[in-house]
Amino acid sequence: MSTEQRIKEIKARRAQIKAALTRFTNFISDVMNVENIVEIKTRLGKIELFFNEFDTLQSELEFIDETELVTSTRNDLENQFYKVIAKAKGLIEEGSPPTPKNHSGYHPNWKMGGTGISEL
């Protein structure tokens, strides 16, 4: 495969990844509540794979085509990925039950002996 053909192939795949990022961004923007946690997690997993693929493709492109080094494509897309991933993780956190702060197993209302549960 020629260098020019590989560059064309990488740019086409990069455009597909950018389209997927746009779809995910639109989905996250349209989520009005955190009831879709499973769907958010599923889509987030996929977009994180796309982010890794984008990084690999962009690095290869920058290696074989030095003109790509001066473009802002990497910065722009990385910023978009980071923002939407952070927002998705925030939505997931909002919809997840809180984690207990006390992991020792001690509960101040428990009594020693008996049932182990204080009378209310």
PDB file of N, CA and C in Angstrom:
ATOM      1  N   MET A   1       0.857  -1.172   0.000  1.00  0.00           N
ATOM      2  CA  MET A   1       0.000   0.000   0.000  1.00  0.00           C
ATOM      3  C   MET A   1       0.906   1.238   0.000  1.00  0.00           C
ATOM      4  N   SER A   2       0.556   2.184  -0.845  1.00  0.00           N
ATOM      5  CA  SER A   2       1.360   3.400  -0.914  1.00  0.00           C
ATOM      6  C   SER A   2       1.090   4.297   0.291  1.00  0.00           C
ATOM      7  N   THR A   3       2.025   5.202   0.551  1.00  0.00           N
ATOM      8  CA  THR A   3       1.884   6.137   1.670  1.00  0.00           C
ATOM      9  C   THR A   3       0.654   7.011   1.492  1.00  0.00           C
ATOM     10  N   GLU A   4       0.440   7.475   0.269  1.00  0.00           N
ATOM     11  CA  GLU A   4      -0.713   8.334   0.006  1.00  0.00           C
ATOM     12  C   GLU A   4      -2.024   7.593   0.261  1.00  0.00           C
ATOM     13  N   GLN A   5      -2.051   6.337  -0.130  1.00  0.00           N
ATOM     14  CA  GLN A   5      -3.264   5.543   0.082  1.00  0.00           C
ATOM     15  C   GLN A   5      -3.484   5.300   1.579  1.00  0.00           C
ATOM     16  N   ARG A   6      -2.409   5.050   2.318  1.00  0.00           N
ATOM     17  CA  ARG A   6      -2.535   4.833   3.767  1.00  0.00           C
ATOM     18  C   ARG A   6      -3.016   6.105   4.451  1.00  0.00           C
ATOM     19  N   ILE A   7      -2.493   7.259   4.040  1.00  0.00           N
ATOM     20  CA  ILE A   7      -2.935   8.538   4.608  1.00  0.00           C
ATOM     21  C   ILE A   7      -4.427   8.733   4.361  1.00  0.00           C
ATOM     22  N   LYS A   8      -4.860   8.436   3.142  1.00  0.00           N
ATOM     23  CA  LYS A   8      -6.283   8.566   2.802  1.00  0.00           C
ATOM     24  C   LYS A   8      -7.131   7.637   3.670  1.00  0.00           C
ATOM     25  N   GLU A   9      -6.659   6.409   3.863  1.00  0.00           N
ATOM     26  CA  GLU A   9      -7.369   5.427   4.682  1.00  0.00           C
ATOM     27  C   GLU A   9      -7.466   5.889   6.142  1.00  0.00           C
ATOM     28  N   ILE A  10      -6.372   6.389   6.676  1.00  0.00           N
ATOM     29  CA  ILE A  10      -6.363   6.868   8.064  1.00  0.00           C
ATOM     30  C   ILE A  10      -7.320   8.038   8.233  1.00  0.00           C
ATOM     31  N   LYS A  11      -7.278   8.975   7.294  1.00  0.00           N
ATOM     32  CA  LYS A  11      -8.158  10.144   7.392  1.00  0.00           C
ATOM     33  C   LYS A  11      -9.631   9.748   7.290  1.00  0.00           C
ATOM     34  N   ALA A  12      -9.933   8.752   6.467  1.00  0.00           N
ATOM     35  CA  ALA A  12     -11.322   8.285   6.356  1.00  0.00           C
ATOM     36  C   ALA A  12     -11.772   7.653   7.671  1.00  0.00           C
ATOM     37  N   ARG A  13     -10.925   6.830   8.272  1.00  0.00           N
ATOM     38  CA  ARG A  13     -11.279   6.196   9.550  1.00  0.00           C
ATOM     39  C   ARG A  13     -11.397   7.245  10.643  1.00  0.00           C
ATOM     40  N   ARG A  14     -10.507   8.234  10.618  1.00  0.00           N
ATOM     41  CA  ARG A  14     -10.561   9.322  11.597  1.00  0.00           C
ATOM     42  C   ARG A  14     -11.880  10.082  11.474  1.00  0.00           C
ATOM     43  N   ALA A  15     -12.349  10.288  10.261  1.00  0.00           N
ATOM     44  CA  ALA A  15     -13.640  10.961  10.047  1.00  0.00           C
ATOM     45  C   ALA A  15     -14.788  10.127  10.615  1.00  0.00           C
ATOM     46  N   GLN A  16     -14.708   8.802  10.477  1.00  0.00           N
ATOM     47  CA  GLN A  16     -15.732   7.926  11.055  1.00  0.00           C
ATOM     48  C   GLN A  16     -15.729   8.028  12.582  1.00  0.00           C
ATOM     49  N   ILE A  17     -14.552   8.081  13.163  1.00  0.00           N
ATOM     50  CA  ILE A  17     -14.445   8.201  14.622  1.00  0.00           C
ATOM     51  C   ILE A  17     -14.993   9.543  15.080  1.00  0.00           C
ATOM     52  N   LYS A  18     -14.692  10.593  14.326  1.00  0.00           N
ATOM     53  CA  LYS A  18     -15.211  11.918  14.673  1.00  0.00           C
ATOM     54  C   LYS A  18     -16.742  11.925  14.610  1.00  0.00           C
ATOM     55  N   ALA A  19     -17.313  11.243  13.626  1.00  0.00           N
ATOM     56  CA  ALA A  19     -18.776  11.151  13.523  1.00  0.00           C
ATOM     57  C   ALA A  19     -19.349  10.405  14.730  1.00  0.00           C
ATOM     58  N   ALA A  20     -18.676   9.341  15.160  1.00  0.00           N
ATOM     59  CA  ALA A  20     -19.125   8.599  16.347  1.00  0.00           C
ATOM     60  C   ALA A  20     -19.043   9.479  17.588  1.00  0.00           C
ATOM     61  N   LEU A  21     -17.999  10.277  17.680  1.00  0.00           N
ATOM     62  CA  LEU A  21     -17.856  11.208  18.803  1.00  0.00           C
ATOM     63  C   LEU A  21     -18.991  12.223  18.800  1.00  0.00           C
ATOM     64  N   THR A  22     -19.343  12.730  17.637  1.00  0.00           N
ATOM     65  CA  THR A  22     -20.448  13.685  17.524  1.00  0.00           C
ATOM     66  C   THR A  22     -21.766  13.041  17.955  1.00  0.00           C
ATOM     67  N   ARG A  23     -22.004  11.808  17.533  1.00  0.00           N
ATOM     68  CA  ARG A  23     -23.238  11.107  17.937  1.00  0.00           C
ATOM     69  C   ARG A  23     -23.281  10.910  19.452  1.00  0.00           C
ATOM     70  N   PHE A  24     -22.157  10.530  20.036  1.00  0.00           N
ATOM     71  CA  PHE A  24     -22.105  10.327  21.486  1.00  0.00           C
ATOM     72  C   PHE A  24     -22.310  11.647  22.219  1.00  0.00           C
ATOM     73  N   THR A  25     -21.697  12.705  21.718  1.00  0.00           N
ATOM     74  CA  THR A  25     -21.866  14.030  22.322  1.00  0.00           C
ATOM     75  C   THR A  25     -23.331  14.443  22.282  1.00  0.00           C
ATOM     76  N   ASN A  26     -23.990  14.225  21.155  1.00  0.00           N
ATOM     77  CA  ASN A  26     -25.416  14.547  21.038  1.00  0.00           C
ATOM     78  C   ASN A  26     -26.249  13.706  21.997  1.00  0.00           C
ATOM     79  N   PHE A  27     -25.933  12.424  22.123  1.00  0.00           N
ATOM     80  CA  PHE A  27     -26.650  11.552  23.055  1.00  0.00           C
ATOM     81  C   PHE A  27     -26.503  12.067  24.482  1.00  0.00           C
ATOM     82  N   ILE A  28     -25.291  12.377  24.888  1.00  0.00           N
ATOM     83  CA  ILE A  28     -25.039  12.852  26.253  1.00  0.00           C
ATOM     84  C   ILE A  28     -25.743  14.184  26.487  1.00  0.00           C
ATOM     85  N   SER A  29     -25.754  15.053  25.483  1.00  0.00           N
ATOM     86  CA  SER A  29     -26.431  16.349  25.621  1.00  0.00           C
ATOM     87  C   SER A  29     -27.936  16.186  25.768  1.00  0.00           C
ATOM     88  N   ASP A  30     -28.493  15.146  25.148  1.00  0.00           N
ATOM     89  CA  ASP A  30     -29.936  14.918  25.196  1.00  0.00           C
ATOM     90  C   ASP A  30     -30.393  14.170  26.443  1.00  0.00           C
ATOM     91  N   VAL A  31     -29.472  13.571  27.183  1.00  0.00           N
ATOM     92  CA  VAL A  31     -29.837  12.839  28.396  1.00  0.00           C
ATOM     93  C   VAL A  31     -30.240  13.857  29.450  1.00  0.00           C
ATOM     94  N   MET A  32     -31.495  13.831  29.828  1.00  0.00           N
ATOM     95  CA  MET A  32     -32.007  14.807  30.789  1.00  0.00           C
ATOM     96  C   MET A  32     -31.968  14.279  32.215  1.00  0.00           C
ATOM     97  N   ASN A  33     -31.802  12.979  32.360  1.00  0.00           N
ATOM     98  CA  ASN A  33     -31.727  12.392  33.696  1.00  0.00           C
ATOM     99  C   ASN A  33     -30.754  11.227  33.660  1.00  0.00           C
ATOM    100  N   VAL A  34     -30.576  10.632  34.788  1.00  0.00           N
ATOM    101  CA  VAL A  34     -29.593   9.557  34.887  1.00  0.00           C
ATOM    102  C   VAL A  34     -30.246   8.173  34.882  1.00  0.00           C
ATOM    103  N   GLU A  35     -31.452   8.091  34.338  1.00  0.00           N
ATOM    104  CA  GLU A  35     -32.150   6.808  34.296  1.00  0.00           C
ATOM    105  C   GLU A  35     -31.538   5.849  33.276  1.00  0.00           C
ATOM    106  N   ASN A  36     -30.758   6.355  32.361  1.00  0.00           N
ATOM    107  CA  ASN A  36     -30.173   5.532  31.302  1.00  0.00           C
ATOM    108  C   ASN A  36     -28.728   5.163  31.613  1.00  0.00           C
ATOM    109  N   ILE A  37     -28.433   4.857  32.862  1.00  0.00           N
ATOM    110  CA  ILE A  37     -27.061   4.590  33.280  1.00  0.00           C
ATOM    111  C   ILE A  37     -26.441   3.444  32.488  1.00  0.00           C
ATOM    112  N   VAL A  38     -27.176   2.369  32.290  1.00  0.00           N
ATOM    113  CA  VAL A  38     -26.631   1.220  31.565  1.00  0.00           C
ATOM    114  C   VAL A  38     -26.282   1.617  30.135  1.00  0.00           C
ATOM    115  N   GLU A  39     -27.165   2.366  29.497  1.00  0.00           N
ATOM    116  CA  GLU A  39     -26.891   2.798  28.125  1.00  0.00           C
ATOM    117  C   GLU A  39     -25.705   3.755  28.083  1.00  0.00           C
ATOM    118  N   ILE A  40     -25.620   4.658  29.043  1.00  0.00           N
ATOM    119  CA  ILE A  40     -24.488   5.582  29.096  1.00  0.00           C
ATOM    120  C   ILE A  40     -23.189   4.798  29.258  1.00  0.00           C
ATOM    121  N   LYS A  41     -23.182   3.823  30.172  1.00  0.00           N
ATOM    122  CA  LYS A  41     -21.977   3.016  30.393  1.00  0.00           C
ATOM    123  C   LYS A  41     -21.581   2.247  29.129  1.00  0.00           C
ATOM    124  N   THR A  42     -22.571   1.697  28.446  1.00  0.00           N
ATOM    125  CA  THR A  42     -22.298   0.935  27.227  1.00  0.00           C
ATOM    126  C   THR A  42     -21.698   1.828  26.157  1.00  0.00           C
ATOM    127  N   ARG A  43     -22.315   2.967  25.952  1.00  0.00           N
ATOM    128  CA  ARG A  43     -21.809   3.894  24.938  1.00  0.00           C
ATOM    129  C   ARG A  43     -20.456   4.477  25.336  1.00  0.00           C
ATOM    130  N   LEU A  44     -20.262   4.711  26.620  1.00  0.00           N
ATOM    131  CA  LEU A  44     -18.991   5.245  27.099  1.00  0.00           C
ATOM    132  C   LEU A  44     -17.861   4.261  26.815  1.00  0.00           C
ATOM    133  N   GLY A  45     -18.113   2.984  27.056  1.00  0.00           N
ATOM    134  CA  GLY A  45     -17.096   1.972  26.767  1.00  0.00           C
ATOM    135  C   GLY A  45     -16.673   1.999  25.308  1.00  0.00           C
ATOM    136  N   LYS A  46     -17.638   2.154  24.435  1.00  0.00           N
ATOM    137  CA  LYS A  46     -17.352   2.194  22.995  1.00  0.00           C
ATOM    138  C   LYS A  46     -16.584   3.462  22.625  1.00  0.00           C
ATOM    139  N   ILE A  47     -16.981   4.595  23.185  1.00  0.00           N
ATOM    140  CA  ILE A  47     -16.314   5.851  22.821  1.00  0.00           C
ATOM    141  C   ILE A  47     -14.881   5.869  23.348  1.00  0.00           C
ATOM    142  N   GLU A  48     -14.637   5.212  24.477  1.00  0.00           N
ATOM    143  CA  GLU A  48     -13.263   5.125  24.980  1.00  0.00           C
ATOM    144  C   GLU A  48     -12.394   4.275  24.050  1.00  0.00           C
ATOM    145  N   LEU A  49     -12.982   3.240  23.446  1.00  0.00           N
ATOM    146  CA  LEU A  49     -12.250   2.454  22.443  1.00  0.00           C
ATOM    147  C   LEU A  49     -11.942   3.302  21.214  1.00  0.00           C
ATOM    148  N   PHE A  50     -12.921   4.105  20.799  1.00  0.00           N
ATOM    149  CA  PHE A  50     -12.698   5.007  19.669  1.00  0.00           C
ATOM    150  C   PHE A  50     -11.596   6.018  19.983  1.00  0.00           C
ATOM    151  N   PHE A  51     -11.557   6.498  21.210  1.00  0.00           N
ATOM    152  CA  PHE A  51     -10.526   7.456  21.605  1.00  0.00           C
ATOM    153  C   PHE A  51      -9.141   6.820  21.465  1.00  0.00           C
ATOM    154  N   ASN A  52      -9.004   5.593  21.912  1.00  0.00           N
ATOM    155  CA  ASN A  52      -7.722   4.893  21.784  1.00  0.00           C
ATOM    156  C   ASN A  52      -7.355   4.676  20.320  1.00  0.00           C
ATOM    157  N   GLU A  53      -8.345   4.304  19.516  1.00  0.00           N
ATOM    158  CA  GLU A  53      -8.093   4.097  18.090  1.00  0.00           C
ATOM    159  C   GLU A  53      -7.702   5.409  17.416  1.00  0.00           C
ATOM    160  N   PHE A  54      -8.405   6.494  17.758  1.00  0.00           N
ATOM    161  CA  PHE A  54      -8.059   7.802  17.204  1.00  0.00           C
ATOM    162  C   PHE A  54      -6.613   8.151  17.524  1.00  0.00           C
ATOM    163  N   ASP A  55      -6.203   7.956  18.766  1.00  0.00           N
ATOM    164  CA  ASP A  55      -4.843   8.287  19.178  1.00  0.00           C
ATOM    165  C   ASP A  55      -3.820   7.495  18.364  1.00  0.00           C
ATOM    166  N   THR A  56      -4.087   6.219  18.168  1.00  0.00           N
ATOM    167  CA  THR A  56      -3.182   5.373  17.382  1.00  0.00           C
ATOM    168  C   THR A  56      -3.113   5.840  15.933  1.00  0.00           C
ATOM    169  N   LEU A  57      -4.274   6.077  15.328  1.00  0.00           N
ATOM    170  CA  LEU A  57      -4.314   6.530  13.937  1.00  0.00           C
ATOM    171  C   LEU A  57      -3.653   7.889  13.765  1.00  0.00           C
ATOM    172  N   GLN A  58      -3.949   8.811  14.675  1.00  0.00           N
ATOM    173  CA  GLN A  58      -3.389  10.151  14.575  1.00  0.00           C
ATOM    174  C   GLN A  58      -1.867  10.109  14.725  1.00  0.00           C
ATOM    175  N   SER A  59      -1.376   9.287  15.631  1.00  0.00           N
ATOM    176  CA  SER A  59       0.075   9.153  15.808  1.00  0.00           C
ATOM    177  C   SER A  59       0.726   8.607  14.543  1.00  0.00           C
ATOM    178  N   GLU A  60       0.096   7.605  13.934  1.00  0.00           N
ATOM    179  CA  GLU A  60       0.626   7.053  12.685  1.00  0.00           C
ATOM    180  C   GLU A  60       0.619   8.110  11.589  1.00  0.00           C
ATOM    181  N   LEU A  61      -0.460   8.854  11.505  1.00  0.00           N
ATOM    182  CA  LEU A  61      -0.568   9.900  10.492  1.00  0.00           C
ATOM    183  C   LEU A  61       0.497  10.972  10.693  1.00  0.00           C
ATOM    184  N   GLU A  62       0.709  11.375  11.928  1.00  0.00           N
ATOM    185  CA  GLU A  62       1.731  12.383  12.220  1.00  0.00           C
ATOM    186  C   GLU A  62       3.127  11.866  11.890  1.00  0.00           C
ATOM    187  N   PHE A  63       3.329  10.558  12.034  1.00  0.00           N
ATOM    188  CA  PHE A  63       4.628   9.959  11.738  1.00  0.00           C
ATOM    189  C   PHE A  63       4.905   9.940  10.240  1.00  0.00           C
ATOM    190  N   ILE A  64       3.892   9.598   9.432  1.00  0.00           N
ATOM    191  CA  ILE A  64       4.120   9.468   7.992  1.00  0.00           C
ATOM    192  C   ILE A  64       3.844  10.750   7.212  1.00  0.00           C
ATOM    193  N   ASP A  65       3.149  11.693   7.807  1.00  0.00           N
ATOM    194  CA  ASP A  65       2.823  12.948   7.116  1.00  0.00           C
ATOM    195  C   ASP A  65       3.107  14.112   8.057  1.00  0.00           C
ATOM    196  N   GLU A  66       4.258  14.726   7.890  1.00  0.00           N
ATOM    197  CA  GLU A  66       4.678  15.786   8.807  1.00  0.00           C
ATOM    198  C   GLU A  66       3.774  17.010   8.779  1.00  0.00           C
ATOM    199  N   THR A  67       3.006  17.197   7.708  1.00  0.00           N
ATOM    200  CA  THR A  67       2.099  18.347   7.678  1.00  0.00           C
ATOM    201  C   THR A  67       1.006  18.205   8.729  1.00  0.00           C
ATOM    202  N   GLU A  68       0.738  16.978   9.147  1.00  0.00           N
ATOM    203  CA  GLU A  68      -0.267  16.745  10.188  1.00  0.00           C
ATOM    204  C   GLU A  68       0.198  17.255  11.547  1.00  0.00           C
ATOM    205  N   LEU A  69       1.495  17.436  11.710  1.00  0.00           N
ATOM    206  CA  LEU A  69       2.019  17.899  12.995  1.00  0.00           C
ATOM    207  C   LEU A  69       1.566  19.317  13.309  1.00  0.00           C
ATOM    208  N   VAL A  70       1.311  20.122  12.295  1.00  0.00           N
ATOM    209  CA  VAL A  70       0.958  21.521  12.523  1.00  0.00           C
ATOM    210  C   VAL A  70      -0.545  21.750  12.598  1.00  0.00           C
ATOM    211  N   THR A  71      -1.325  20.717  12.371  1.00  0.00           N
ATOM    212  CA  THR A  71      -2.776  20.895  12.452  1.00  0.00           C
ATOM    213  C   THR A  71      -3.240  20.799  13.895  1.00  0.00           C
ATOM    214  N   SER A  72      -4.407  21.311  14.132  1.00  0.00           N
ATOM    215  CA  SER A  72      -4.966  21.265  15.486  1.00  0.00           C
ATOM    216  C   SER A  72      -5.949  20.104  15.646  1.00  0.00           C
ATOM    217  N   THR A  73      -5.966  19.195  14.683  1.00  0.00           N
ATOM    218  CA  THR A  73      -6.913  18.079  14.730  1.00  0.00           C
ATOM    219  C   THR A  73      -6.797  17.290  16.020  1.00  0.00           C
ATOM    220  N   ARG A  74      -5.568  16.937  16.404  1.00  0.00           N
ATOM    221  CA  ARG A  74      -5.381  16.150  17.622  1.00  0.00           C
ATOM    222  C   ARG A  74      -5.914  16.907  18.831  1.00  0.00           C
ATOM    223  N   ASN A  75      -5.504  18.163  18.985  1.00  0.00           N
ATOM    224  CA  ASN A  75      -5.949  18.939  20.151  1.00  0.00           C
ATOM    225  C   ASN A  75      -7.459  19.091  20.192  1.00  0.00           C
ATOM    226  N   ASP A  76      -8.046  19.417  19.056  1.00  0.00           N
ATOM    227  CA  ASP A  76      -9.495  19.617  19.015  1.00  0.00           C
ATOM    228  C   ASP A  76     -10.255  18.344  19.385  1.00  0.00           C
ATOM    229  N   LEU A  77      -9.887  17.238  18.762  1.00  0.00           N
ATOM    230  CA  LEU A  77     -10.609  15.993  19.033  1.00  0.00           C
ATOM    231  C   LEU A  77     -10.326  15.464  20.429  1.00  0.00           C
ATOM    232  N   GLU A  78      -9.080  15.574  20.887  1.00  0.00           N
ATOM    233  CA  GLU A  78      -8.785  15.137  22.258  1.00  0.00           C
ATOM    234  C   GLU A  78      -9.624  15.916  23.258  1.00  0.00           C
ATOM    235  N   ASN A  79      -9.710  17.235  23.072  1.00  0.00           N
ATOM    236  CA  ASN A  79     -10.519  18.052  23.984  1.00  0.00           C
ATOM    237  C   ASN A  79     -11.986  17.635  23.955  1.00  0.00           C
ATOM    238  N   GLN A  80     -12.515  17.352  22.765  1.00  0.00           N
ATOM    239  CA  GLN A  80     -13.903  16.895  22.661  1.00  0.00           C
ATOM    240  C   GLN A  80     -14.090  15.558  23.372  1.00  0.00           C
ATOM    241  N   PHE A  81     -13.156  14.639  23.149  1.00  0.00           N
ATOM    242  CA  PHE A  81     -13.239  13.336  23.823  1.00  0.00           C
ATOM    243  C   PHE A  81     -13.221  13.508  25.334  1.00  0.00           C
ATOM    244  N   TYR A  82     -12.253  14.263  25.843  1.00  0.00           N
ATOM    245  CA  TYR A  82     -12.129  14.421  27.295  1.00  0.00           C
ATOM    246  C   TYR A  82     -13.380  15.050  27.905  1.00  0.00           C
ATOM    247  N   LYS A  83     -13.911  16.074  27.260  1.00  0.00           N
ATOM    248  CA  LYS A  83     -15.097  16.751  27.799  1.00  0.00           C
ATOM    249  C   LYS A  83     -16.309  15.828  27.854  1.00  0.00           C
ATOM    250  N   VAL A  84     -16.572  15.124  26.769  1.00  0.00           N
ATOM    251  CA  VAL A  84     -17.773  14.288  26.734  1.00  0.00           C
ATOM    252  C   VAL A  84     -17.602  13.045  27.611  1.00  0.00           C
ATOM    253  N   ILE A  85     -16.400  12.509  27.702  1.00  0.00           N
ATOM    254  CA  ILE A  85     -16.162  11.364  28.589  1.00  0.00           C
ATOM    255  C   ILE A  85     -16.347  11.787  30.040  1.00  0.00           C
ATOM    256  N   ALA A  86     -15.827  12.958  30.395  1.00  0.00           N
ATOM    257  CA  ALA A  86     -15.992  13.458  31.766  1.00  0.00           C
ATOM    258  C   ALA A  86     -17.465  13.690  32.086  1.00  0.00           C
ATOM    259  N   LYS A  87     -18.202  14.249  31.133  1.00  0.00           N
ATOM    260  CA  LYS A  87     -19.630  14.484  31.364  1.00  0.00           C
ATOM    261  C   LYS A  87     -20.373  13.162  31.541  1.00  0.00           C
ATOM    262  N   ALA A  88     -20.060  12.174  30.713  1.00  0.00           N
ATOM    263  CA  ALA A  88     -20.713  10.864  30.825  1.00  0.00           C
ATOM    264  C   ALA A  88     -20.398  10.218  32.168  1.00  0.00           C
ATOM    265  N   LYS A  89     -19.154  10.293  32.591  1.00  0.00           N
ATOM    266  CA  LYS A  89     -18.779   9.711  33.885  1.00  0.00           C
ATOM    267  C   LYS A  89     -19.474  10.441  35.026  1.00  0.00           C
ATOM    268  N   GLY A  90     -19.659  11.753  34.885  1.00  0.00           N
ATOM    269  CA  GLY A  90     -20.397  12.516  35.891  1.00  0.00           C
ATOM    270  C   GLY A  90     -21.844  12.068  35.982  1.00  0.00           C
ATOM    271  N   LEU A  91     -22.466  11.833  34.829  1.00  0.00           N
ATOM    272  CA  LEU A  91     -23.851  11.345  34.818  1.00  0.00           C
ATOM    273  C   LEU A  91     -23.950   9.964  35.453  1.00  0.00           C
ATOM    274  N   ILE A  92     -22.978   9.123  35.173  1.00  0.00           N
ATOM    275  CA  ILE A  92     -22.967   7.783  35.775  1.00  0.00           C
ATOM    276  C   ILE A  92     -22.831   7.891  37.283  1.00  0.00           C
ATOM    277  N   GLU A  93     -21.953   8.769  37.724  1.00  0.00           N
ATOM    278  CA  GLU A  93     -21.747   8.951  39.165  1.00  0.00           C
ATOM    279  C   GLU A  93     -23.005   9.480  39.844  1.00  0.00           C
ATOM    280  N   GLU A  94     -23.703  10.401  39.188  1.00  0.00           N
ATOM    281  CA  GLU A  94     -24.948  10.945  39.745  1.00  0.00           C
ATOM    282  C   GLU A  94     -26.004   9.857  39.913  1.00  0.00           C
ATOM    283  N   GLY A  95     -26.018   8.900  39.001  1.00  0.00           N
ATOM    284  CA  GLY A  95     -27.034   7.861  39.032  1.00  0.00           C
ATOM    285  C   GLY A  95     -26.660   6.628  39.821  1.00  0.00           C
ATOM    286  N   SER A  96     -25.432   6.570  40.305  1.00  0.00           N
ATOM    287  CA  SER A  96     -24.987   5.413  41.083  1.00  0.00           C
ATOM    288  C   SER A  96     -25.267   5.640  42.553  1.00  0.00           C
ATOM    289  N   PRO A  97     -25.567   4.579  43.293  1.00  0.00           N
ATOM    290  CA  PRO A  97     -25.797   4.754  44.729  1.00  0.00           C
ATOM    291  C   PRO A  97     -24.513   5.203  45.415  1.00  0.00           C
ATOM    292  N   PRO A  98     -24.641   6.009  46.441  1.00  0.00           N
ATOM    293  CA  PRO A  98     -23.437   6.484  47.127  1.00  0.00           C
ATOM    294  C   PRO A  98     -22.702   5.331  47.793  1.00  0.00           C
ATOM    295  N   THR A  99     -21.396   5.447  47.833  1.00  0.00           N
ATOM    296  CA  THR A  99     -20.599   4.422  48.501  1.00  0.00           C
ATOM    297  C   THR A  99     -20.468   4.793  49.965  1.00  0.00           C
ATOM    298  N   PRO A 100     -20.521   3.810  50.844  1.00  0.00           N
ATOM    299  CA  PRO A 100     -20.402   4.115  52.272  1.00  0.00           C
ATOM    300  C   PRO A 100     -19.017   4.658  52.594  1.00  0.00           C
ATOM    301  N   LYS A 101     -18.992   5.636  53.487  1.00  0.00           N
ATOM    302  CA  LYS A 101     -17.731   6.255  53.875  1.00  0.00           C
ATOM    303  C   LYS A 101     -16.971   5.379  54.860  1.00  0.00           C
ATOM    304  N   ASN A 102     -17.699   4.574  55.652  1.00  0.00           N
ATOM    305  CA  ASN A 102     -17.082   3.761  56.686  1.00  0.00           C
ATOM    306  C   ASN A 102     -16.984   2.327  56.180  1.00  0.00           C
ATOM    307  N   HIS A 103     -15.787   1.905  55.811  1.00  0.00           N
ATOM    308  CA  HIS A 103     -15.597   0.565  55.270  1.00  0.00           C
ATOM    309  C   HIS A 103     -15.160  -0.438  56.333  1.00  0.00           C
ATOM    310  N   SER A 104     -15.108  -0.045  57.595  1.00  0.00           N
ATOM    311  CA  SER A 104     -14.602  -0.933  58.640  1.00  0.00           C
ATOM    312  C   SER A 104     -15.634  -1.946  59.105  1.00  0.00           C
ATOM    313  N   GLY A 105     -16.884  -1.754  58.734  1.00  0.00           N
ATOM    314  CA  GLY A 105     -17.933  -2.645  59.198  1.00  0.00           C
ATOM    315  C   GLY A 105     -18.571  -2.149  60.481  1.00  0.00           C
ATOM    316  N   TYR A 106     -18.025  -1.122  61.073  1.00  0.00           N
ATOM    317  CA  TYR A 106     -18.564  -0.549  62.309  1.00  0.00           C
ATOM    318  C   TYR A 106     -19.710   0.376  61.970  1.00  0.00           C
ATOM    319  N   HIS A 107     -20.756   0.280  62.715  1.00  0.00           N
ATOM    320  CA  HIS A 107     -21.876   1.202  62.576  1.00  0.00           C
ATOM    321  C   HIS A 107     -22.191   1.724  63.962  1.00  0.00           C
ATOM    322  N   PRO A 108     -22.223   3.029  64.170  1.00  0.00           N
ATOM    323  CA  PRO A 108     -22.373   3.588  65.510  1.00  0.00           C
ATOM    324  C   PRO A 108     -23.672   3.216  66.211  1.00  0.00           C
ATOM    325  N   ASN A 109     -24.709   2.795  65.498  1.00  0.00           N
ATOM    326  CA  ASN A 109     -25.982   2.438  66.127  1.00  0.00           C
ATOM    327  C   ASN A 109     -26.082   0.957  66.472  1.00  0.00           C
ATOM    328  N   TRP A 110     -25.068   0.174  66.141  1.00  0.00           N
ATOM    329  CA  TRP A 110     -25.102  -1.247  66.447  1.00  0.00           C
ATOM    330  C   TRP A 110     -24.660  -1.486  67.878  1.00  0.00           C
ATOM    331  N   LYS A 111     -25.327  -2.442  68.529  1.00  0.00           N
ATOM    332  CA  LYS A 111     -24.952  -2.836  69.891  1.00  0.00           C
ATOM    333  C   LYS A 111     -24.187  -4.146  69.832  1.00  0.00           C
ATOM    334  N   MET A 112     -23.318  -4.332  70.746  1.00  0.00           N
ATOM    335  CA  MET A 112     -22.628  -5.612  70.858  1.00  0.00           C
ATOM    336  C   MET A 112     -23.576  -6.583  71.553  1.00  0.00           C
ATOM    337  N   GLY A 113     -23.669  -7.791  71.078  1.00  0.00           N
ATOM    338  CA  GLY A 113     -24.550  -8.782  71.680  1.00  0.00           C
ATOM    339  C   GLY A 113     -25.942  -8.680  71.099  1.00  0.00           C
ATOM    340  N   GLY A 114     -26.828  -9.554  71.518  1.00  0.00           N
ATOM    341  CA  GLY A 114     -28.208  -9.535  71.018  1.00  0.00           C
ATOM    342  C   GLY A 114     -28.234  -9.730  69.523  1.00  0.00           C
ATOM    343  N   THR A 115     -29.060  -8.950  68.841  1.00  0.00           N
ATOM    344  CA  THR A 115     -29.189  -9.070  67.393  1.00  0.00           C
ATOM    345  C   THR A 115     -28.121  -8.280  66.667  1.00  0.00           C
ATOM    346  N   GLY A 116     -27.439  -7.401  67.392  1.00  0.00           N
ATOM    347  CA  GLY A 116     -26.434  -6.570  66.745  1.00  0.00           C
ATOM    348  C   GLY A 116     -27.027  -5.319  66.138  1.00  0.00           C
ATOM    349  N   ILE A 117     -28.324  -5.145  66.317  1.00  0.00           N
ATOM    350  CA  ILE A 117     -28.982  -3.961  65.763  1.00  0.00           C
ATOM    351  C   ILE A 117     -29.644  -3.229  66.911  1.00  0.00           C
ATOM    352  N   SER A 118     -29.397  -1.935  66.990  1.00  0.00           N
ATOM    353  CA  SER A 118     -29.979  -1.164  68.095  1.00  0.00           C
ATOM    354  C   SER A 118     -31.479  -1.020  67.912  1.00  0.00           C
ATOM    355  N   GLU A 119     -32.148  -0.871  69.017  1.00  0.00           N
ATOM    356  CA  GLU A 119     -33.592  -0.652  68.990  1.00  0.00           C
ATOM    357  C   GLU A 119     -33.844   0.785  68.565  1.00  0.00           C
ATOM    358  N   LEU A 120     -34.759   0.981  67.677  1.00  0.00           N
ATOM    359  CA  LEU A 120     -35.076   2.331  67.196  1.00  0.00           C
ATOM    360  C   LEU A 120     -36.254   2.899  67.913  1.00  0.00           C
TER     361      LEU A 120
END
